[in-house]
Protein backbone atom coordinates (compact mmCIF):
# COMPACT_ATOMS: atom_id res chain seq x y z
CA MET A 1 -0.13 19.65 9.48
CA ARG A 2 0.75 18.80 5.89
CA ALA A 3 1.83 15.48 4.42
CA MET A 4 3.49 14.07 1.33
CA LEU A 5 2.53 10.70 -0.14
CA LEU A 6 5.32 9.00 -2.09
CA ALA A 7 3.62 7.33 -5.05
CA ALA A 8 6.08 7.72 -7.92
CA GLY A 9 7.71 4.28 -7.83
CA LEU A 10 7.64 1.77 -10.68
CA GLY A 11 6.59 -1.18 -8.52
CA THR A 12 8.96 -3.53 -10.32
CA ARG A 13 8.64 -6.31 -7.73
CA LEU A 14 4.88 -6.38 -8.32
CA ARG A 15 5.15 -7.01 -12.05
CA PRO A 16 3.26 -7.99 -14.14
CA LEU A 17 0.56 -6.22 -12.09
CA THR A 18 2.27 -2.85 -12.46
CA TYR A 19 3.06 -2.80 -16.18
CA ARG A 20 -0.05 -0.77 -16.89
CA VAL A 21 -1.33 0.03 -13.40
CA SER A 22 0.24 2.42 -10.93
CA LYS A 23 1.50 0.57 -7.86
CA SER A 24 -0.61 2.80 -5.64
CA MET A 25 -3.73 1.98 -7.69
CA ILE A 26 -3.51 -1.80 -7.30
CA PRO A 27 -6.79 -2.93 -5.69
CA VAL A 28 -6.73 -4.18 -2.11
CA ILE A 29 -10.15 -5.48 -1.04
CA ASN A 30 -11.59 -3.60 -4.04
CA LYS A 31 -10.06 -0.22 -3.18
CA PRO A 32 -6.81 1.21 -4.59
CA SER A 33 -3.96 0.76 -2.12
CA LEU A 34 -3.59 4.55 -2.12
CA PHE A 35 -7.05 4.78 -0.53
CA TYR A 36 -5.74 3.35 2.73
CA SER A 37 -2.94 5.91 3.02
CA LEU A 38 -5.31 8.78 2.28
CA ASN A 39 -7.87 7.42 4.72
CA LEU A 40 -5.21 7.16 7.44
CA LEU A 41 -4.36 10.82 6.93
CA ARG A 42 -8.01 11.83 6.86
CA LYS A 43 -8.72 10.04 10.15
CA SER A 44 -5.82 11.96 11.65
CA LYS A 45 -7.31 15.24 10.37
CA ILE A 46 -4.40 15.86 8.00
CA ASN A 47 -6.15 17.44 5.05
CA GLU A 48 -3.41 19.15 3.04
CA VAL A 49 -1.51 16.58 0.99
CA VAL A 50 0.85 16.50 -1.96
CA ILE A 51 1.35 13.29 -3.97
CA ASN A 52 4.38 12.77 -6.19
CA LEU A 53 3.77 10.93 -9.45
CA TYR A 54 5.72 9.26 -12.23
CA HIS A 55 4.66 5.83 -13.52
CA GLN A 56 0.98 5.89 -14.64
CA GLY A 57 0.47 9.04 -12.61
CA SER A 58 -2.68 9.98 -14.53
CA GLN A 59 -4.46 7.02 -12.91
CA VAL A 60 -3.85 8.51 -9.46
CA LYS A 61 -5.05 11.95 -10.58
CA ASP A 62 -8.19 10.49 -12.14
CA TYR A 63 -8.99 8.68 -8.88
CA VAL A 64 -8.13 11.32 -6.27
CA LYS A 65 -8.79 14.45 -8.38
CA ASP A 66 -8.60 17.52 -6.11
CA GLY A 67 -9.14 15.42 -2.97
CA GLU A 68 -12.66 16.64 -2.26
CA LYS A 69 -14.05 13.13 -1.79
CA PHE A 70 -11.43 12.59 0.92
CA ASP A 71 -12.14 16.00 2.51
CA MET A 72 -8.62 17.03 1.51
CA GLN A 73 -6.80 19.57 -0.56
CA VAL A 74 -4.53 17.50 -2.80
CA LEU A 75 -1.70 18.80 -4.97
CA TYR A 76 0.46 16.79 -7.36
CA SER A 77 4.18 16.83 -7.99
CA GLU A 78 4.81 15.17 -11.35
CA GLU A 79 8.34 13.95 -12.00
CA ASP A 80 9.80 13.73 -15.51
CA SER A 81 12.27 11.15 -14.22
CA LEU A 82 12.41 9.39 -10.88
CA MET A 83 13.93 11.69 -8.26
CA GLY A 84 14.08 9.22 -5.35
CA THR A 85 12.29 9.60 -2.04
CA ALA A 86 14.41 12.58 -0.94
CA GLY A 87 14.75 14.19 -4.37
CA GLY A 88 10.99 14.12 -4.86
CA LEU A 89 10.54 15.64 -1.43
CA LYS A 90 13.08 18.40 -2.14
CA LYS A 91 11.08 19.43 -5.19
CA MET A 92 8.19 20.40 -2.86
CA GLU A 93 10.33 22.27 -0.32
CA SER A 94 8.29 25.48 -0.59
CA TYR A 95 5.12 23.60 0.41
CA PHE A 96 6.39 22.59 3.85
CA LYS A 97 6.97 25.41 6.35
CA ASP A 98 6.26 23.53 9.61
CA THR A 99 6.54 20.00 10.98
CA PHE A 100 5.30 17.62 8.27
CA LEU A 101 4.68 13.97 7.54
CA VAL A 102 6.00 11.80 4.69
CA VAL A 103 4.26 8.49 4.00
CA SER A 104 5.09 5.81 1.48
CA ALA A 105 1.98 4.90 -0.49
CA ASP A 106 3.17 1.27 -0.51
CA GLY A 107 2.22 0.51 3.09
CA ILE A 108 -1.05 -0.39 4.76
CA THR A 109 -1.26 0.45 8.44
CA ASP A 110 -3.62 1.68 11.14
CA PHE A 111 -0.92 3.27 13.31
CA ASN A 112 -1.59 6.35 15.46
CA ILE A 113 -0.09 9.35 13.68
CA HIS A 114 -0.80 11.76 16.54
CA GLN A 115 1.17 9.69 19.05
CA ALA A 116 4.15 9.61 16.68
CA VAL A 117 3.98 13.39 16.15
CA GLN A 118 3.79 13.93 19.92
CA PHE A 119 6.89 11.74 20.36
CA HIS A 120 8.69 13.73 17.64
CA LYS A 121 7.97 17.05 19.34
CA GLN A 122 8.87 15.81 22.80
CA LYS A 123 12.27 14.75 21.48
CA ALA A 124 12.76 18.03 19.59
CA ALA A 125 13.78 15.82 16.68
CA LEU A 126 14.92 16.94 13.27
CA ALA A 127 13.53 13.68 11.91
CA THR A 128 11.55 10.80 13.36
CA VAL A 129 11.48 7.48 11.56
CA VAL A 130 8.51 5.23 12.30
CA LEU A 131 9.82 1.74 13.00
CA LYS A 132 8.28 -1.73 13.14
CA LYS A 133 9.70 -4.95 14.58
CA THR A 134 10.02 -7.72 12.00
CA GLU A 135 12.06 -10.82 11.27
CA GLU A 136 12.29 -9.88 7.56
CA LYS A 137 14.83 -7.17 8.21
CA PHE A 138 16.96 -7.68 5.09
CA ARG A 139 14.31 -6.13 2.84
CA TYR A 140 14.18 -2.81 4.67
CA GLY A 141 16.26 -0.17 6.36
CA VAL A 142 17.20 -1.22 9.90
CA ALA A 143 17.73 1.13 12.82
CA LEU A 144 19.45 0.78 16.17
CA ARG A 145 18.24 3.11 18.95
CA ASN A 146 19.64 4.05 22.33
CA LYS A 147 17.55 4.12 25.51
CA LYS A 148 16.21 7.58 24.69
CA GLY A 149 15.03 6.49 21.26
CA LYS A 150 17.73 8.26 19.30
CA ILE A 151 18.90 6.34 16.25
CA THR A 152 22.59 5.54 16.54
CA GLN A 153 22.92 3.32 13.46
CA PHE A 154 20.93 3.09 10.25
CA VAL A 155 21.53 0.87 7.21
CA GLU A 156 19.20 0.54 4.22
CA LYS A 157 18.58 -3.10 3.17
CA PRO A 158 21.49 -4.54 5.13
CA SER A 159 23.62 -7.57 4.37
CA TRP A 160 23.83 -10.37 6.95
CA GLY A 161 26.75 -8.70 8.67
CA ASP A 162 24.93 -5.35 8.99
CA ALA A 163 21.60 -6.66 10.34
CA PHE A 164 22.18 -5.30 13.84
CA SER A 165 18.49 -4.76 14.72
CA ASP A 166 15.01 -6.16 14.13
CA GLU A 167 13.47 -2.67 13.98
CA ILE A 168 12.88 -1.66 10.39
CA ASN A 169 11.96 1.55 8.59
CA ALA A 170 8.21 1.52 7.84
CA GLY A 171 8.51 4.28 5.24
CA ILE A 172 6.80 6.86 7.43
CA TYR A 173 8.69 9.96 8.54
CA ILE A 174 8.08 13.13 10.53
CA PHE A 175 10.39 15.97 9.54
CA GLU A 176 11.19 19.54 10.43
CA PRO A 177 11.70 21.87 7.44
CA ASP A 178 15.43 22.04 8.25
CA ILE A 179 15.69 18.57 6.69
CA PHE A 180 15.72 20.24 3.26
CA SER A 181 19.19 21.65 3.91
CA CYS A 182 20.42 18.04 3.85
CA ILE A 183 19.00 17.26 0.41
CA PRO A 184 20.63 18.55 -2.79
CA ALA A 185 18.31 20.17 -5.35
CA GLY A 186 17.63 18.93 -8.86
CA GLU A 187 19.08 15.44 -8.60
CA PRO A 188 17.90 11.98 -7.56
CA TYR A 189 18.43 11.42 -3.84
CA ASP A 190 17.19 8.82 -1.36
CA LEU A 191 16.08 9.10 2.26
CA GLY A 192 17.05 5.56 3.27
CA HIS A 193 20.32 5.21 1.38
CA GLN A 194 21.68 8.73 1.72
CA VAL A 195 19.91 11.24 3.96
CA LEU A 196 19.26 9.19 7.10
CA PRO A 197 22.63 7.36 7.30
CA SER A 198 24.44 10.67 6.83
CA LEU A 199 22.46 12.44 9.54
CA VAL A 200 22.83 9.55 11.99
CA LYS A 201 26.59 9.45 11.37
CA ARG A 202 26.78 13.18 12.18
CA GLY A 203 24.90 12.63 15.45
CA GLU A 204 21.87 14.72 14.46
CA ALA A 205 18.58 14.50 16.38
CA ILE A 206 17.19 11.54 14.43
CA TYR A 207 14.78 9.43 16.50
CA GLY A 208 12.92 6.20 16.00
CA TYR A 209 9.27 5.79 16.99
CA LEU A 210 8.41 2.09 17.39
CA MET A 211 4.84 1.37 16.36
CA ASP A 212 2.88 -1.49 17.86
CA ASP A 213 0.16 -1.41 15.21
CA TYR A 214 -0.55 -3.36 12.07
CA TRP A 215 1.73 -2.55 9.14
CA ILE A 216 2.63 -4.24 5.90
CA ASP A 217 4.62 -3.04 2.90
CA MET A 218 3.11 -4.31 -0.36
CA GLY A 219 6.47 -4.52 -2.03
CA ASN A 220 6.01 -7.90 -3.68
CA LEU A 221 3.33 -10.37 -4.74
CA ALA A 222 3.53 -12.43 -1.55
CA ASP A 223 2.91 -9.38 0.64
CA TYR A 224 0.14 -8.21 -1.68
CA ARG A 225 -1.66 -11.49 -1.10
CA LYS A 226 -0.92 -11.34 2.63
CA ALA A 227 -2.34 -7.82 2.99
CA GLN A 228 -5.64 -8.95 1.52
CA ARG A 229 -5.86 -11.95 3.80
CA ASP A 230 -4.92 -9.95 6.88
CA ILE A 231 -7.74 -7.50 6.18
CA LEU A 232 -10.19 -10.37 5.67
CA LYS A 233 -9.03 -11.95 8.93
CA GLY A 234 -9.71 -8.70 10.78
CA LYS A 235 -6.07 -8.16 11.75
CA THR A 236 -5.83 -4.61 10.46
CA GLY A 237 -8.77 -2.70 11.90
CA ILE A 238 -9.71 -1.74 8.32
CA GLU A 239 -13.43 -1.67 7.59
CA ILE A 240 -14.59 -3.73 4.60
CA SER A 241 -17.17 -2.07 2.36
CA GLY A 242 -20.29 -3.87 1.19
CA ARG A 243 -23.23 -5.51 2.95
CA GLU A 244 -22.24 -8.35 5.26
CA ILE A 245 -24.98 -10.87 4.44
CA LYS A 246 -23.57 -13.34 6.95
CA LYS A 247 -20.45 -13.36 9.07
CA GLY A 248 -17.41 -12.94 6.82
CA ILE A 249 -19.30 -12.56 3.52
CA TRP A 250 -19.56 -9.04 2.07
CA ILE A 251 -21.62 -8.37 -1.06
CA GLY A 252 -21.77 -5.18 -3.13
CA LYS A 253 -24.74 -3.53 -4.83
CA ASN A 254 -26.68 -5.12 -7.73
CA THR A 255 -24.84 -8.42 -7.42
CA GLN A 256 -26.67 -11.62 -8.31
CA ILE A 257 -25.71 -14.93 -6.72
CA SER A 258 -27.32 -18.25 -7.64
CA LYS A 259 -28.94 -20.12 -4.76
CA SER A 260 -26.86 -23.16 -5.71
CA ALA A 261 -23.57 -21.26 -5.43
CA SER A 262 -21.37 -21.90 -2.40
CA LEU A 263 -19.46 -19.11 -0.61
CA LYS A 264 -17.02 -19.98 2.17
CA PRO A 265 -16.06 -16.98 4.33
CA PRO A 266 -14.21 -14.73 4.41
CA VAL A 267 -15.19 -13.58 0.93
CA VAL A 268 -15.75 -10.15 -0.62
CA ILE A 269 -17.79 -9.70 -3.82
CA GLY A 270 -18.06 -6.28 -5.44
CA ASN A 271 -20.84 -4.43 -7.27
CA ASN A 272 -22.73 -5.65 -10.34
CA CYS A 273 -21.31 -9.18 -10.22
CA CYS A 274 -22.97 -12.39 -11.41
CA ILE A 275 -22.27 -15.73 -9.72
CA GLU A 276 -23.92 -18.57 -11.62
CA GLU A 277 -25.15 -22.05 -10.67
CA LYS A 278 -22.97 -24.43 -8.65
CA VAL A 279 -20.06 -22.00 -8.43
CA LYS A 280 -17.80 -22.58 -5.41
CA ILE A 281 -15.94 -19.60 -3.98
CA GLY A 282 -13.51 -20.50 -1.20
CA LYS A 283 -12.19 -18.44 1.67
CA TYR A 284 -9.86 -15.44 1.23
CA THR A 285 -11.28 -14.69 -2.22
CA THR A 286 -12.15 -11.16 -3.36
CA LEU A 287 -14.03 -10.26 -6.51
CA GLY A 288 -13.99 -6.73 -7.90
CA ASP A 289 -16.86 -4.98 -9.67
CA ARG A 290 -18.61 -6.41 -12.76
CA VAL A 291 -17.14 -9.88 -12.32
CA THR A 292 -18.95 -12.87 -13.83
CA ILE A 293 -18.28 -16.41 -12.62
CA LYS A 294 -19.87 -18.99 -14.91
CA LYS A 295 -21.43 -22.33 -13.95
CA GLU A 296 -19.43 -24.80 -11.85
CA ALA A 297 -16.29 -22.68 -11.71
CA ARG A 298 -14.27 -22.97 -8.50
CA LEU A 299 -12.10 -20.32 -6.84
CA GLN A 300 -10.19 -20.22 -3.59
CA LYS A 301 -7.70 -17.71 -2.14
CA CYS A 302 -8.01 -15.61 -5.30
CA ILE A 303 -7.92 -11.88 -6.02
CA LEU A 304 -10.01 -10.85 -9.01
CA TRP A 305 -9.94 -7.22 -10.14
CA ASP A 306 -12.77 -5.45 -12.01
CA ASP A 307 -14.41 -6.66 -15.23
CA VAL A 308 -13.22 -10.26 -15.07
CA LEU A 309 -14.96 -13.20 -16.73
CA VAL A 310 -14.31 -16.72 -15.42
CA GLU A 311 -15.81 -19.30 -17.76
CA GLU A 312 -17.56 -22.58 -16.90
CA LYS A 313 -15.70 -25.20 -14.83
CA ALA A 314 -12.52 -23.17 -14.56
CA TYR A 315 -10.48 -23.80 -11.39
CA LEU A 316 -8.39 -21.06 -9.79
CA ASP A 317 -6.36 -21.50 -6.62
CA ASN A 318 -4.34 -18.63 -5.09
CA CYS A 319 -4.49 -16.66 -8.34
CA ILE A 320 -4.54 -12.96 -9.19
CA ILE A 321 -6.69 -11.99 -12.18
CA THR A 322 -6.32 -8.42 -13.43
CA HIS A 323 -8.78 -6.00 -15.05
CA PHE A 324 -10.61 -6.98 -18.27
CA THR A 325 -9.33 -10.56 -18.29
CA ARG A 326 -11.13 -13.70 -19.43
CA VAL A 327 -10.35 -17.10 -17.96
CA PRO A 328 -11.25 -19.82 -20.51
CA PRO A 329 -13.54 -22.78 -19.71
CA LYS A 330 -12.07 -25.69 -17.73
CA LEU A 331 -8.71 -23.94 -17.30
CA SER A 332 -6.95 -24.94 -14.08
CA ILE A 333 -4.35 -22.63 -12.51
CA THR A 334 -2.65 -22.71 -9.12
CA GLY A 335 -0.62 -19.76 -7.79
CA GLY A 336 -0.70 -17.90 -11.08
CA ILE A 337 -1.38 -14.45 -12.44
CA VAL A 338 -3.71 -14.04 -15.40
CA THR A 339 -3.53 -10.73 -17.24
CA ASP A 340 -4.15 -9.33 -20.67
CA THR A 341 -1.10 -7.11 -20.25
CA ILE A 342 1.73 -7.37 -22.75
CA PRO A 343 4.86 -5.57 -21.49
CA ASN A 344 6.22 -2.81 -23.75
């Protein structure tokens, strides 16, 4: 079975994080978010994948390369302008000859792909949309199903009057190749806004598979923070890399931590880091690789990317600090984002 990962989006709701970093390369517990989608496919023995690219696409190619480190064969579909979820898919029509999977690279989930594919085939569906129950239904496409699981109504990002269901589109689809006849060539086109509502209205065999597994869409800064904390809490089934020196504290290779430093779990510290005297690192904090925390600095609920320097007696609470950033001495920030990025 082949799959397509949708990774071409601009990630505007995650700015300023995405000005210079591809949305799918934003670190989540010190791994690019794209890693989790690829790992999900690998665990399901799906090893032929195409990834569509637009914004900062070279970062994805530099990380994944030909897919060998994921035991995959990876191809790339580079878009000169954004083609939308359906338009980008249409561009790769010749690649998909059998039942195939489409996955948004924005989501983190541990759902069972094989069960969803089995459901799809049992229903002889043209398309199966993976659904998740949520109270935050206004941010997503919502679907209404009949008793057999067939979708009878579908609205992308509904208004209050159209929110007829609490089952939302998780951005994961199983399609038959006939779906391409419903997508025009060479123009931007969207699965949620155009393809699915049209097919449902025509009464086509469009089904909804309701997952009961962990899922989160990292569409905004709040959900980005939540995804990290959920992984640290053990809600996701995702394994955390590094050596667990005590329960809830993971440390990478060649990292030095002063005996007078205090770490309150859960905490993840990457490779080649230096934590100096009397530093206090509170729970739900992750440090990337080559991070230095100077004397008496305090952090809690923070996400630090790679190559960050936090100077003496700085205080950071619920902050995100991006690559190659320096936090000055004694600076105090709550709920902020520190970056060296200047938007173009």
